[in-house]
């Protein structure tokens, strides 16, 4: 899965959860056509909408400092 292609990411994760665009729209409050445009056309969600969609599918994004020294905790 190409993580830089939101269309591919959303389609793959929806398939893994056996979820439809309609279900995702219901979970997020977004319009079905908007989500359809992201998953079937070349429309790109902004960062906030992508995070909202991922949460609606059942995933979360965690941002970690890659330079953090885990041994010091």
PDB file of N, CA and C in Angstrom:
ATOM      1  N   UNK A   1       0.848  -1.174   0.000  1.00  0.00           N
ATOM      2  CA  UNK A   1       0.000   0.000   0.000  1.00  0.00           C
ATOM      3  C   UNK A   1       0.895   1.238   0.000  1.00  0.00           C
ATOM      4  N   UNK A   2       0.633   2.131  -0.922  1.00  0.00           N
ATOM      5  CA  UNK A   2       1.364   3.387  -1.011  1.00  0.00           C
ATOM      6  C   UNK A   2       0.758   4.380  -0.029  1.00  0.00           C
ATOM      7  N   UNK A   3       1.454   4.677   1.050  1.00  0.00           N
ATOM      8  CA  UNK A   3       0.889   5.542   2.092  1.00  0.00           C
ATOM      9  C   UNK A   3       0.757   6.990   1.640  1.00  0.00           C
ATOM     10  N   UNK A   4       1.338   7.352   0.500  1.00  0.00           N
ATOM     11  CA  UNK A   4       1.240   8.712  -0.002  1.00  0.00           C
ATOM     12  C   UNK A   4       0.069   8.887  -0.955  1.00  0.00           C
ATOM     13  N   UNK A   5      -0.676   7.823  -1.194  1.00  0.00           N
ATOM     14  CA  UNK A   5      -1.831   7.858  -2.076  1.00  0.00           C
ATOM     15  C   UNK A   5      -3.081   7.656  -1.217  1.00  0.00           C
ATOM     16  N   UNK A   6      -3.756   8.756  -0.894  1.00  0.00           N
ATOM     17  CA  UNK A   6      -4.904   8.666   0.018  1.00  0.00           C
ATOM     18  C   UNK A   6      -6.004   7.768  -0.540  1.00  0.00           C
ATOM     19  N   UNK A   7      -6.190   7.768  -1.841  1.00  0.00           N
ATOM     20  CA  UNK A   7      -7.192   6.904  -2.467  1.00  0.00           C
ATOM     21  C   UNK A   7      -6.905   5.439  -2.152  1.00  0.00           C
ATOM     22  N   UNK A   8      -5.663   5.038  -2.344  1.00  0.00           N
ATOM     23  CA  UNK A   8      -5.268   3.650  -2.092  1.00  0.00           C
ATOM     24  C   UNK A   8      -5.354   3.307  -0.605  1.00  0.00           C
ATOM     25  N   UNK A   9      -4.926   4.226   0.249  1.00  0.00           N
ATOM     26  CA  UNK A   9      -4.973   3.986   1.693  1.00  0.00           C
ATOM     27  C   UNK A   9      -6.415   3.782   2.146  1.00  0.00           C
ATOM     28  N   UNK A  10      -7.297   4.700   1.766  1.00  0.00           N
ATOM     29  CA  UNK A  10      -8.688   4.601   2.195  1.00  0.00           C
ATOM     30  C   UNK A  10      -9.359   3.341   1.666  1.00  0.00           C
ATOM     31  N   UNK A  11      -9.154   3.040   0.398  1.00  0.00           N
ATOM     32  CA  UNK A  11      -9.779   1.842  -0.184  1.00  0.00           C
ATOM     33  C   UNK A  11      -9.284   0.579   0.506  1.00  0.00           C
ATOM     34  N   UNK A  12      -7.981   0.496   0.755  1.00  0.00           N
ATOM     35  CA  UNK A  12      -7.406  -0.685   1.392  1.00  0.00           C
ATOM     36  C   UNK A  12      -7.944  -0.860   2.810  1.00  0.00           C
ATOM     37  N   UNK A  13      -7.972   0.236   3.573  1.00  0.00           N
ATOM     38  CA  UNK A  13      -8.427   0.129   4.957  1.00  0.00           C
ATOM     39  C   UNK A  13      -9.927  -0.139   5.044  1.00  0.00           C
ATOM     40  N   UNK A  14     -10.705   0.435   4.134  1.00  0.00           N
ATOM     41  CA  UNK A  14     -12.142   0.125   4.095  1.00  0.00           C
ATOM     42  C   UNK A  14     -12.354  -1.356   3.803  1.00  0.00           C
ATOM     43  N   UNK A  15     -11.598  -1.900   2.864  1.00  0.00           N
ATOM     44  CA  UNK A  15     -11.720  -3.327   2.532  1.00  0.00           C
ATOM     45  C   UNK A  15     -11.335  -4.204   3.719  1.00  0.00           C
ATOM     46  N   UNK A  16     -10.266  -3.835   4.422  1.00  0.00           N
ATOM     47  CA  UNK A  16      -9.830  -4.628   5.584  1.00  0.00           C
ATOM     48  C   UNK A  16     -10.895  -4.695   6.668  1.00  0.00           C
ATOM     49  N   UNK A  17     -11.653  -3.616   6.829  1.00  0.00           N
ATOM     50  CA  UNK A  17     -12.699  -3.568   7.853  1.00  0.00           C
ATOM     51  C   UNK A  17     -14.061  -3.974   7.296  1.00  0.00           C
ATOM     52  N   UNK A  18     -14.093  -4.368   6.007  1.00  0.00           N
ATOM     53  CA  UNK A  18     -15.351  -4.744   5.347  1.00  0.00           C
ATOM     54  C   UNK A  18     -16.382  -3.628   5.501  1.00  0.00           C
ATOM     55  N   UNK A  19     -15.944  -2.400   5.262  1.00  0.00           N
ATOM     56  CA  UNK A  19     -16.785  -1.223   5.444  1.00  0.00           C
ATOM     57  C   UNK A  19     -17.055  -0.564   4.101  1.00  0.00           C
ATOM     58  N   UNK A  20     -18.240  -0.003   3.959  1.00  0.00           N
ATOM     59  CA  UNK A  20     -18.609   0.690   2.731  1.00  0.00           C
ATOM     60  C   UNK A  20     -18.447   2.197   2.904  1.00  0.00           C
ATOM     61  N   UNK A  21     -18.490   2.897   1.776  1.00  0.00           N
ATOM     62  CA  UNK A  21     -18.452   4.353   1.790  1.00  0.00           C
ATOM     63  C   UNK A  21     -19.641   4.896   2.580  1.00  0.00           C
ATOM     64  N   UNK A  22     -20.793   4.271   2.444  1.00  0.00           N
ATOM     65  CA  UNK A  22     -21.999   4.696   3.163  1.00  0.00           C
ATOM     66  C   UNK A  22     -21.785   4.578   4.671  1.00  0.00           C
ATOM     67  N   UNK A  23     -21.193   3.483   5.110  1.00  0.00           N
ATOM     68  CA  UNK A  23     -20.927   3.296   6.541  1.00  0.00           C
ATOM     69  C   UNK A  23     -19.924   4.327   7.050  1.00  0.00           C
ATOM     70  N   UNK A  24     -18.888   4.588   6.248  1.00  0.00           N
ATOM     71  CA  UNK A  24     -17.894   5.578   6.648  1.00  0.00           C
ATOM     72  C   UNK A  24     -18.537   6.964   6.732  1.00  0.00           C
ATOM     73  N   UNK A  25     -19.397   7.287   5.791  1.00  0.00           N
ATOM     74  CA  UNK A  25     -20.101   8.573   5.823  1.00  0.00           C
ATOM     75  C   UNK A  25     -20.930   8.685   7.094  1.00  0.00           C
ATOM     76  N   UNK A  26     -21.601   7.625   7.452  1.00  0.00           N
ATOM     77  CA  UNK A  26     -22.415   7.610   8.672  1.00  0.00           C
ATOM     78  C   UNK A  26     -21.526   7.792   9.907  1.00  0.00           C
ATOM     79  N   UNK A  27     -20.371   7.139   9.934  1.00  0.00           N
ATOM     80  CA  UNK A  27     -19.463   7.216  11.084  1.00  0.00           C
ATOM     81  C   UNK A  27     -18.832   8.597  11.261  1.00  0.00           C
ATOM     82  N   UNK A  28     -18.649   9.307  10.152  1.00  0.00           N
ATOM     83  CA  UNK A  28     -17.910  10.566  10.206  1.00  0.00           C
ATOM     84  C   UNK A  28     -18.786  11.809  10.062  1.00  0.00           C
ATOM     85  N   UNK A  29     -19.996  11.645   9.539  1.00  0.00           N
ATOM     86  CA  UNK A  29     -20.839  12.802   9.262  1.00  0.00           C
ATOM     87  C   UNK A  29     -20.497  13.483   7.953  1.00  0.00           C
ATOM     88  N   UNK A  30     -19.574  12.899   7.197  1.00  0.00           N
ATOM     89  CA  UNK A  30     -19.216  13.446   5.887  1.00  0.00           C
ATOM     90  C   UNK A  30     -20.209  12.952   4.840  1.00  0.00           C
ATOM     91  N   UNK A  31     -20.301  13.681   3.746  1.00  0.00           N
ATOM     92  CA  UNK A  31     -21.209  13.293   2.679  1.00  0.00           C
ATOM     93  C   UNK A  31     -20.634  12.098   1.911  1.00  0.00           C
ATOM     94  N   UNK A  32     -21.498  11.170   1.536  1.00  0.00           N
ATOM     95  CA  UNK A  32     -21.080   9.978   0.781  1.00  0.00           C
ATOM     96  C   UNK A  32     -20.333  10.349  -0.497  1.00  0.00           C
ATOM     97  N   UNK A  33     -20.816  11.364  -1.200  1.00  0.00           N
ATOM     98  CA  UNK A  33     -20.170  11.758  -2.456  1.00  0.00           C
ATOM     99  C   UNK A  33     -18.745  12.236  -2.239  1.00  0.00           C
ATOM    100  N   UNK A  34     -18.512  12.898  -1.119  1.00  0.00           N
ATOM    101  CA  UNK A  34     -17.159  13.364  -0.806  1.00  0.00           C
ATOM    102  C   UNK A  34     -16.224  12.172  -0.644  1.00  0.00           C
ATOM    103  N   UNK A  35     -16.656  11.197   0.132  1.00  0.00           N
ATOM    104  CA  UNK A  35     -15.821  10.010   0.366  1.00  0.00           C
ATOM    105  C   UNK A  35     -15.662   9.213  -0.922  1.00  0.00           C
ATOM    106  N   UNK A  36     -16.723   9.107  -1.704  1.00  0.00           N
ATOM    107  CA  UNK A  36     -16.648   8.428  -3.000  1.00  0.00           C
ATOM    108  C   UNK A  36     -15.598   9.093  -3.889  1.00  0.00           C
ATOM    109  N   UNK A  37     -15.575  10.421  -3.903  1.00  0.00           N
ATOM    110  CA  UNK A  37     -14.589  11.132  -4.729  1.00  0.00           C
ATOM    111  C   UNK A  37     -13.164  10.830  -4.289  1.00  0.00           C
ATOM    112  N   UNK A  38     -12.964  10.614  -2.995  1.00  0.00           N
ATOM    113  CA  UNK A  38     -11.631  10.269  -2.501  1.00  0.00           C
ATOM    114  C   UNK A  38     -11.250   8.845  -2.860  1.00  0.00           C
ATOM    115  N   UNK A  39     -12.212   7.924  -2.841  1.00  0.00           N
ATOM    116  CA  UNK A  39     -11.905   6.502  -3.018  1.00  0.00           C
ATOM    117  C   UNK A  39     -12.030   6.026  -4.461  1.00  0.00           C
ATOM    118  N   UNK A  40     -12.719   6.766  -5.299  1.00  0.00           N
ATOM    119  CA  UNK A  40     -12.927   6.308  -6.675  1.00  0.00           C
ATOM    120  C   UNK A  40     -12.413   7.296  -7.722  1.00  0.00           C
ATOM    121  N   UNK A  41     -12.270   8.524  -7.350  1.00  0.00           N
ATOM    122  CA  UNK A  41     -11.788   9.553  -8.283  1.00  0.00           C
ATOM    123  C   UNK A  41     -10.420  10.009  -7.798  1.00  0.00           C
ATOM    124  N   UNK A  42      -9.980  11.146  -8.253  1.00  0.00           N
ATOM    125  CA  UNK A  42      -8.654  11.631  -7.864  1.00  0.00           C
ATOM    126  C   UNK A  42      -8.702  12.793  -6.887  1.00  0.00           C
ATOM    127  N   UNK A  43      -9.822  12.958  -6.202  1.00  0.00           N
ATOM    128  CA  UNK A  43      -9.917  14.015  -5.189  1.00  0.00           C
ATOM    129  C   UNK A  43      -9.071  13.629  -3.982  1.00  0.00           C
ATOM    130  N   UNK A  44      -8.484  14.620  -3.341  1.00  0.00           N
ATOM    131  CA  UNK A  44      -7.619  14.384  -2.185  1.00  0.00           C
ATOM    132  C   UNK A  44      -8.220  15.051  -0.949  1.00  0.00           C
ATOM    133  N   UNK A  45      -8.375  14.317   0.144  1.00  0.00           N
ATOM    134  CA  UNK A  45      -8.858  14.941   1.377  1.00  0.00           C
ATOM    135  C   UNK A  45      -7.761  15.799   1.997  1.00  0.00           C
ATOM    136  N   UNK A  46      -8.163  16.847   2.696  1.00  0.00           N
ATOM    137  CA  UNK A  46      -7.158  17.601   3.445  1.00  0.00           C
ATOM    138  C   UNK A  46      -6.759  16.768   4.671  1.00  0.00           C
ATOM    139  N   UNK A  47      -5.766  17.245   5.407  1.00  0.00           N
ATOM    140  CA  UNK A  47      -5.224  16.490   6.533  1.00  0.00           C
ATOM    141  C   UNK A  47      -6.295  16.175   7.575  1.00  0.00           C
ATOM    142  N   UNK A  48      -7.094  17.167   7.941  1.00  0.00           N
ATOM    143  CA  UNK A  48      -8.140  16.962   8.940  1.00  0.00           C
ATOM    144  C   UNK A  48      -9.153  15.919   8.474  1.00  0.00           C
ATOM    145  N   UNK A  49      -9.587  16.019   7.224  1.00  0.00           N
ATOM    146  CA  UNK A  49     -10.574  15.065   6.706  1.00  0.00           C
ATOM    147  C   UNK A  49      -9.997  13.655   6.595  1.00  0.00           C
ATOM    148  N   UNK A  50      -8.711  13.554   6.267  1.00  0.00           N
ATOM    149  CA  UNK A  50      -8.079  12.234   6.202  1.00  0.00           C
ATOM    150  C   UNK A  50      -8.037  11.608   7.596  1.00  0.00           C
ATOM    151  N   UNK A  51      -7.668  12.386   8.604  1.00  0.00           N
ATOM    152  CA  UNK A  51      -7.650  11.876   9.976  1.00  0.00           C
ATOM    153  C   UNK A  51      -9.046  11.468  10.422  1.00  0.00           C
ATOM    154  N   UNK A  52     -10.038  12.275  10.084  1.00  0.00           N
ATOM    155  CA  UNK A  52     -11.425  11.971  10.433  1.00  0.00           C
ATOM    156  C   UNK A  52     -11.871  10.679   9.760  1.00  0.00           C
ATOM    157  N   UNK A  53     -11.530  10.513   8.495  1.00  0.00           N
ATOM    158  CA  UNK A  53     -11.896   9.295   7.770  1.00  0.00           C
ATOM    159  C   UNK A  53     -11.211   8.078   8.385  1.00  0.00           C
ATOM    160  N   UNK A  54      -9.932   8.197   8.695  1.00  0.00           N
ATOM    161  CA  UNK A  54      -9.209   7.076   9.304  1.00  0.00           C
ATOM    162  C   UNK A  54      -9.832   6.684  10.637  1.00  0.00           C
ATOM    163  N   UNK A  55     -10.194   7.666  11.439  1.00  0.00           N
ATOM    164  CA  UNK A  55     -10.844   7.373  12.716  1.00  0.00           C
ATOM    165  C   UNK A  55     -12.209   6.730  12.490  1.00  0.00           C
ATOM    166  N   UNK A  56     -12.920   7.182  11.460  1.00  0.00           N
ATOM    167  CA  UNK A  56     -14.217   6.608  11.139  1.00  0.00           C
ATOM    168  C   UNK A  56     -14.133   5.158  10.702  1.00  0.00           C
ATOM    169  N   UNK A  57     -12.985   4.786  10.136  1.00  0.00           N
ATOM    170  CA  UNK A  57     -12.765   3.394   9.725  1.00  0.00           C
ATOM    171  C   UNK A  57     -12.337   2.552  10.921  1.00  0.00           C
ATOM    172  N   UNK A  58     -11.746   3.209  11.922  1.00  0.00           N
ATOM    173  CA  UNK A  58     -11.309   2.479  13.110  1.00  0.00           C
ATOM    174  C   UNK A  58      -9.808   2.497  13.309  1.00  0.00           C
ATOM    175  N   UNK A  59      -9.130   3.466  12.716  1.00  0.00           N
ATOM    176  CA  UNK A  59      -7.684   3.604  12.856  1.00  0.00           C
ATOM    177  C   UNK A  59      -7.372   4.961  13.471  1.00  0.00           C
ATOM    178  N   UNK A  60      -6.148   5.089  13.984  1.00  0.00           N
ATOM    179  CA  UNK A  60      -5.694   6.388  14.463  1.00  0.00           C
ATOM    180  C   UNK A  60      -4.260   6.597  14.006  1.00  0.00           C
ATOM    181  N   UNK A  61      -3.886   7.843  13.889  1.00  0.00           N
ATOM    182  CA  UNK A  61      -2.536   8.210  13.477  1.00  0.00           C
ATOM    183  C   UNK A  61      -1.793   8.661  14.726  1.00  0.00           C
ATOM    184  N   UNK A  62      -0.612   8.137  14.907  1.00  0.00           N
ATOM    185  CA  UNK A  62       0.230   8.510  16.034  1.00  0.00           C
ATOM    186  C   UNK A  62       1.486   9.158  15.472  1.00  0.00           C
ATOM    187  N   UNK A  63       1.810  10.336  15.965  1.00  0.00           N
ATOM    188  CA  UNK A  63       3.015  11.034  15.529  1.00  0.00           C
ATOM    189  C   UNK A  63       4.017  10.964  16.667  1.00  0.00           C
ATOM    190  N   UNK A  64       5.168  10.392  16.373  1.00  0.00           N
ATOM    191  CA  UNK A  64       6.207  10.231  17.384  1.00  0.00           C
ATOM    192  C   UNK A  64       7.481  10.925  16.942  1.00  0.00           C
ATOM    193  N   UNK A  65       8.231  11.396  17.887  1.00  0.00           N
ATOM    194  CA  UNK A  65       9.523  12.005  17.627  1.00  0.00           C
ATOM    195  C   UNK A  65      10.522  10.887  17.344  1.00  0.00           C
ATOM    196  N   UNK A  66      11.035  10.846  16.136  1.00  0.00           N
ATOM    197  CA  UNK A  66      11.960   9.773  15.742  1.00  0.00           C
ATOM    198  C   UNK A  66      13.330   9.947  16.388  1.00  0.00           C
ATOM    199  N   UNK A  67      13.622  11.118  16.901  1.00  0.00           N
ATOM    200  CA  UNK A  67      14.919  11.369  17.524  1.00  0.00           C
ATOM    201  C   UNK A  67      14.903  11.129  19.022  1.00  0.00           C
ATOM    202  N   UNK A  68      13.744  10.811  19.557  1.00  0.00           N
ATOM    203  CA  UNK A  68      13.604  10.584  20.994  1.00  0.00           C
ATOM    204  C   UNK A  68      14.388   9.335  21.402  1.00  0.00           C
ATOM    205  N   UNK A  69      15.055   9.414  22.512  1.00  0.00           N
ATOM    206  CA  UNK A  69      15.805   8.279  23.033  1.00  0.00           C
ATOM    207  C   UNK A  69      14.887   7.491  23.956  1.00  0.00           C
ATOM    208  N   UNK A  70      14.402   6.345  23.482  1.00  0.00           N
ATOM    209  CA  UNK A  70      13.461   5.526  24.268  1.00  0.00           C
ATOM    210  C   UNK A  70      14.105   4.981  25.543  1.00  0.00           C
ATOM    211  N   UNK A  71      15.405   4.856  25.568  1.00  0.00           N
ATOM    212  CA  UNK A  71      16.084   4.292  26.731  1.00  0.00           C
ATOM    213  C   UNK A  71      16.041   5.238  27.924  1.00  0.00           C
ATOM    214  N   UNK A  72      15.820   6.539  27.659  1.00  0.00           N
ATOM    215  CA  UNK A  72      15.835   7.502  28.762  1.00  0.00           C
ATOM    216  C   UNK A  72      14.512   7.563  29.516  1.00  0.00           C
ATOM    217  N   UNK A  73      13.495   6.860  29.048  1.00  0.00           N
ATOM    218  CA  UNK A  73      12.178   6.904  29.722  1.00  0.00           C
ATOM    219  C   UNK A  73      12.089   5.953  30.870  1.00  0.00           C
TER     220      UNK A  73
END
